[in-house]
Amino acid sequence: MTAPGDLQQALFLRLKSDASLAALLGGAGLLERATDNAAFPYVTSGLTSAFDWDTGAENNDDQLITFHVWSKAHGEAETRAIMDAIKARLAGAVLVVGSRGQTRLSLEFTEARYDEELLVHHGLLRFRALTQENA
């Protein structure tokens, strides 16, 4: 079983090791949770869901992981560039998380929009992670 926290830690380590993403974020822009004084742009992790697609029951072998991109730049180019860097680093990736097997990532959904209330550009990426047992 791949616990959601273990998978999230592995994903953050993979993203933090990407020099192009670090350059876009100014170094420290990968956060589990945003603070009031977080410098823009930054990326936070969102909802992680684990369930069985066939039955709807919880199943840590099949998870949805969400990342949020936040930017105050004029226009959405910065948001899209950060999203593209995350996609390039994670889409199709195979991770070894724990001793059970390999976790394969696939991109399920992306969206970029301007949030009028918060006055920020908000990007959303949702990945599906499927863990397959070792044979």
C-alpha atoms as a PDB file:
ATOM      1  CA  MET A   1       0.000   0.000   0.000  1.00  0.00           C
ATOM      2  CA  THR A   2       1.338   3.434  -0.913  1.00  0.00           C
ATOM      3  CA  ALA A   3       0.240   5.966   1.680  1.00  0.00           C
ATOM      4  CA  PRO A   4      -0.805   9.367   0.289  1.00  0.00           C
ATOM      5  CA  GLY A   5       1.817  11.114   2.450  1.00  0.00           C
ATOM      6  CA  ASP A   6       4.607   8.887   1.117  1.00  0.00           C
ATOM      7  CA  LEU A   7       3.559   9.563  -2.458  1.00  0.00           C
ATOM      8  CA  GLN A   8       3.324  13.310  -1.852  1.00  0.00           C
ATOM      9  CA  GLN A   9       6.824  13.316  -0.340  1.00  0.00           C
ATOM     10  CA  ALA A  10       8.213  11.444  -3.363  1.00  0.00           C
ATOM     11  CA  LEU A  11       6.523  13.901  -5.741  1.00  0.00           C
ATOM     12  CA  PHE A  12       7.889  16.926  -3.880  1.00  0.00           C
ATOM     13  CA  LEU A  13      11.395  15.446  -3.937  1.00  0.00           C
ATOM     14  CA  ARG A  14      11.100  14.893  -7.695  1.00  0.00           C
ATOM     15  CA  LEU A  15       9.861  18.452  -8.273  1.00  0.00           C
ATOM     16  CA  LYS A  16      12.501  20.010  -5.996  1.00  0.00           C
ATOM     17  CA  SER A  17      15.240  18.302  -7.996  1.00  0.00           C
ATOM     18  CA  ASP A  18      14.156  20.050 -11.213  1.00  0.00           C
ATOM     19  CA  ALA A  19      16.451  23.040 -11.855  1.00  0.00           C
ATOM     20  CA  SER A  20      14.154  24.672 -14.427  1.00  0.00           C
ATOM     21  CA  LEU A  21      11.183  24.566 -12.058  1.00  0.00           C
ATOM     22  CA  ALA A  22      13.306  25.931  -9.206  1.00  0.00           C
ATOM     23  CA  ALA A  23      14.391  28.824 -11.446  1.00  0.00           C
ATOM     24  CA  LEU A  24      10.783  29.633 -12.353  1.00  0.00           C
ATOM     25  CA  LEU A  25       9.768  29.577  -8.676  1.00  0.00           C
ATOM     26  CA  GLY A  26      12.760  31.506  -7.395  1.00  0.00           C
ATOM     27  CA  GLY A  27      14.026  28.550  -5.358  1.00  0.00           C
ATOM     28  CA  ALA A  28      11.707  28.066  -2.381  1.00  0.00           C
ATOM     29  CA  GLY A  29       8.351  28.126  -4.123  1.00  0.00           C
ATOM     30  CA  LEU A  30       7.270  24.530  -3.457  1.00  0.00           C
ATOM     31  CA  LEU A  31       5.103  24.496  -0.337  1.00  0.00           C
ATOM     32  CA  GLU A  32       2.862  21.923   1.293  1.00  0.00           C
ATOM     33  CA  ARG A  33       0.722  24.774   2.559  1.00  0.00           C
ATOM     34  CA  ALA A  34       0.988  28.471   1.775  1.00  0.00           C
ATOM     35  CA  THR A  35       1.734  30.949   4.522  1.00  0.00           C
ATOM     36  CA  ASP A  36       0.484  34.534   4.616  1.00  0.00           C
ATOM     37  CA  ASN A  37       3.940  35.807   3.678  1.00  0.00           C
ATOM     38  CA  ALA A  38       4.719  33.279   0.915  1.00  0.00           C
ATOM     39  CA  ALA A  39       6.532  34.911  -2.001  1.00  0.00           C
ATOM     40  CA  PHE A  40       4.907  34.591  -5.418  1.00  0.00           C
ATOM     41  CA  PRO A  41       5.018  32.538  -7.535  1.00  0.00           C
ATOM     42  CA  TYR A  42       4.625  29.298  -5.606  1.00  0.00           C
ATOM     43  CA  VAL A  43       3.149  25.808  -5.860  1.00  0.00           C
ATOM     44  CA  THR A  44       1.099  24.073  -3.181  1.00  0.00           C
ATOM     45  CA  SER A  45      -0.241  20.572  -2.921  1.00  0.00           C
ATOM     46  CA  GLY A  46      -3.970  20.187  -2.792  1.00  0.00           C
ATOM     47  CA  LEU A  47      -6.398  17.387  -2.231  1.00  0.00           C
ATOM     48  CA  THR A  48      -5.114  13.817  -2.463  1.00  0.00           C
ATOM     49  CA  SER A  49      -7.805  11.188  -2.931  1.00  0.00           C
ATOM     50  CA  ALA A  50      -7.334   7.436  -2.758  1.00  0.00           C
ATOM     51  CA  PHE A  51     -10.048   5.111  -4.029  1.00  0.00           C
ATOM     52  CA  ASP A  52     -10.984   2.126  -6.139  1.00  0.00           C
ATOM     53  CA  TRP A  53     -12.273   3.242  -9.545  1.00  0.00           C
ATOM     54  CA  ASP A  54     -14.556   0.188  -9.820  1.00  0.00           C
ATOM     55  CA  THR A  55     -16.136   0.163  -6.372  1.00  0.00           C
ATOM     56  CA  GLY A  56     -15.627   3.689  -5.035  1.00  0.00           C
ATOM     57  CA  ALA A  57     -13.990   2.249  -1.912  1.00  0.00           C
ATOM     58  CA  GLU A  58     -10.755   3.629  -0.502  1.00  0.00           C
ATOM     59  CA  ASN A  59      -7.701   2.092  -2.151  1.00  0.00           C
ATOM     60  CA  ASN A  60      -4.234   3.578  -1.784  1.00  0.00           C
ATOM     61  CA  ASP A  61      -3.113   1.875  -4.996  1.00  0.00           C
ATOM     62  CA  ASP A  62      -5.052   4.434  -7.050  1.00  0.00           C
ATOM     63  CA  GLN A  63      -4.737   8.094  -6.073  1.00  0.00           C
ATOM     64  CA  LEU A  64      -5.474  11.545  -7.450  1.00  0.00           C
ATOM     65  CA  ILE A  65      -2.957  14.239  -6.536  1.00  0.00           C
ATOM     66  CA  THR A  66      -3.575  17.938  -7.120  1.00  0.00           C
ATOM     67  CA  PHE A  67      -1.044  20.765  -7.397  1.00  0.00           C
ATOM     68  CA  HIS A  68      -1.944  24.471  -7.362  1.00  0.00           C
ATOM     69  CA  VAL A  69       0.195  27.148  -9.028  1.00  0.00           C
ATOM     70  CA  TRP A  70      -0.153  30.722  -7.741  1.00  0.00           C
ATOM     71  CA  SER A  71       1.191  33.788  -9.539  1.00  0.00           C
ATOM     72  CA  LYS A  72       0.727  37.559  -9.352  1.00  0.00           C
ATOM     73  CA  ALA A  73       2.514  38.214 -12.653  1.00  0.00           C
ATOM     74  CA  HIS A  74       0.765  40.235 -15.335  1.00  0.00           C
ATOM     75  CA  GLY A  75      -0.873  37.742 -17.677  1.00  0.00           C
ATOM     76  CA  GLU A  76      -0.845  33.987 -17.339  1.00  0.00           C
ATOM     77  CA  ALA A  77       2.498  33.227 -19.030  1.00  0.00           C
ATOM     78  CA  GLU A  78       4.285  32.621 -15.722  1.00  0.00           C
ATOM     79  CA  THR A  79       1.529  30.312 -14.486  1.00  0.00           C
ATOM     80  CA  ARG A  80       1.572  28.326 -17.739  1.00  0.00           C
ATOM     81  CA  ALA A  81       5.386  28.062 -17.724  1.00  0.00           C
ATOM     82  CA  ILE A  82       5.351  26.649 -14.179  1.00  0.00           C
ATOM     83  CA  MET A  83       2.549  24.252 -15.107  1.00  0.00           C
ATOM     84  CA  ASP A  84       4.512  23.101 -18.168  1.00  0.00           C
ATOM     85  CA  ALA A  85       7.600  22.449 -16.019  1.00  0.00           C
ATOM     86  CA  ILE A  86       5.552  20.380 -13.551  1.00  0.00           C
ATOM     87  CA  LYS A  87       3.940  18.429 -16.408  1.00  0.00           C
ATOM     88  CA  ALA A  88       7.341  17.746 -17.988  1.00  0.00           C
ATOM     89  CA  ARG A  89       8.724  16.481 -14.674  1.00  0.00           C
ATOM     90  CA  LEU A  90       5.754  14.341 -13.556  1.00  0.00           C
ATOM     91  CA  ALA A  91       3.611  13.240 -16.521  1.00  0.00           C
ATOM     92  CA  GLY A  92       4.482   9.648 -17.348  1.00  0.00           C
ATOM     93  CA  ALA A  93       6.944   9.387 -14.453  1.00  0.00           C
ATOM     94  CA  VAL A  94       7.494   6.085 -12.672  1.00  0.00           C
ATOM     95  CA  LEU A  95       8.317   6.352  -8.965  1.00  0.00           C
ATOM     96  CA  VAL A  96       9.349   3.730  -6.451  1.00  0.00           C
ATOM     97  CA  VAL A  97       7.464   4.580  -3.264  1.00  0.00           C
ATOM     98  CA  GLY A  98       7.971   2.107  -0.446  1.00  0.00           C
ATOM     99  CA  SER A  99       8.645  -1.568  -1.016  1.00  0.00           C
ATOM    100  CA  ARG A 100       5.400  -2.553  -2.706  1.00  0.00           C
ATOM    101  CA  GLY A 101       6.000  -1.651  -6.329  1.00  0.00           C
ATOM    102  CA  GLN A 102       6.103   1.162  -8.846  1.00  0.00           C
ATOM    103  CA  THR A 103       3.788   4.140  -9.006  1.00  0.00           C
ATOM    104  CA  ARG A 104       3.028   5.429 -12.495  1.00  0.00           C
ATOM    105  CA  LEU A 105       1.776   8.984 -12.974  1.00  0.00           C
ATOM    106  CA  SER A 106      -0.536  10.252 -15.668  1.00  0.00           C
ATOM    107  CA  LEU A 107      -1.851  13.770 -16.118  1.00  0.00           C
ATOM    108  CA  GLU A 108      -5.639  13.842 -15.750  1.00  0.00           C
ATOM    109  CA  PHE A 109      -6.572  17.538 -15.810  1.00  0.00           C
ATOM    110  CA  THR A 110      -5.139  21.058 -16.064  1.00  0.00           C
ATOM    111  CA  GLU A 111      -6.685  24.499 -15.789  1.00  0.00           C
ATOM    112  CA  ALA A 112      -5.307  28.041 -15.651  1.00  0.00           C
ATOM    113  CA  ARG A 113      -7.462  31.032 -14.808  1.00  0.00           C
ATOM    114  CA  TYR A 114      -7.431  34.441 -13.175  1.00  0.00           C
ATOM    115  CA  ASP A 115      -9.043  34.542  -9.728  1.00  0.00           C
ATOM    116  CA  GLU A 116     -10.815  37.906  -9.469  1.00  0.00           C
ATOM    117  CA  GLU A 117     -11.327  37.638  -5.702  1.00  0.00           C
ATOM    118  CA  LEU A 118      -7.717  36.841  -4.838  1.00  0.00           C
ATOM    119  CA  LEU A 119      -6.205  38.886  -7.691  1.00  0.00           C
ATOM    120  CA  VAL A 120      -3.892  36.030  -8.680  1.00  0.00           C
ATOM    121  CA  HIS A 121      -3.450  33.638 -11.561  1.00  0.00           C
ATOM    122  CA  HIS A 122      -4.290  30.114 -10.433  1.00  0.00           C
ATOM    123  CA  GLY A 123      -3.130  26.976 -12.204  1.00  0.00           C
ATOM    124  CA  LEU A 124      -4.391  23.516 -11.342  1.00  0.00           C
ATOM    125  CA  LEU A 125      -2.838  20.168 -12.278  1.00  0.00           C
ATOM    126  CA  ARG A 126      -4.335  16.822 -11.303  1.00  0.00           C
ATOM    127  CA  PHE A 127      -2.353  13.611 -11.679  1.00  0.00           C
ATOM    128  CA  ARG A 128      -3.496  10.044 -11.314  1.00  0.00           C
ATOM    129  CA  ALA A 129      -1.019   7.754  -9.526  1.00  0.00           C
ATOM    130  CA  LEU A 130      -1.452   4.022  -9.929  1.00  0.00           C
ATOM    131  CA  THR A 131       0.719   1.718  -7.831  1.00  0.00           C
ATOM    132  CA  GLN A 132       1.390  -1.722  -9.285  1.00  0.00           C
ATOM    133  CA  GLU A 133       2.652  -4.529  -7.086  1.00  0.00           C
ATOM    134  CA  ASN A 134       6.018  -6.111  -7.700  1.00  0.00           C
ATOM    135  CA  ALA A 135       5.696  -9.438  -9.493  1.00  0.00           C
END
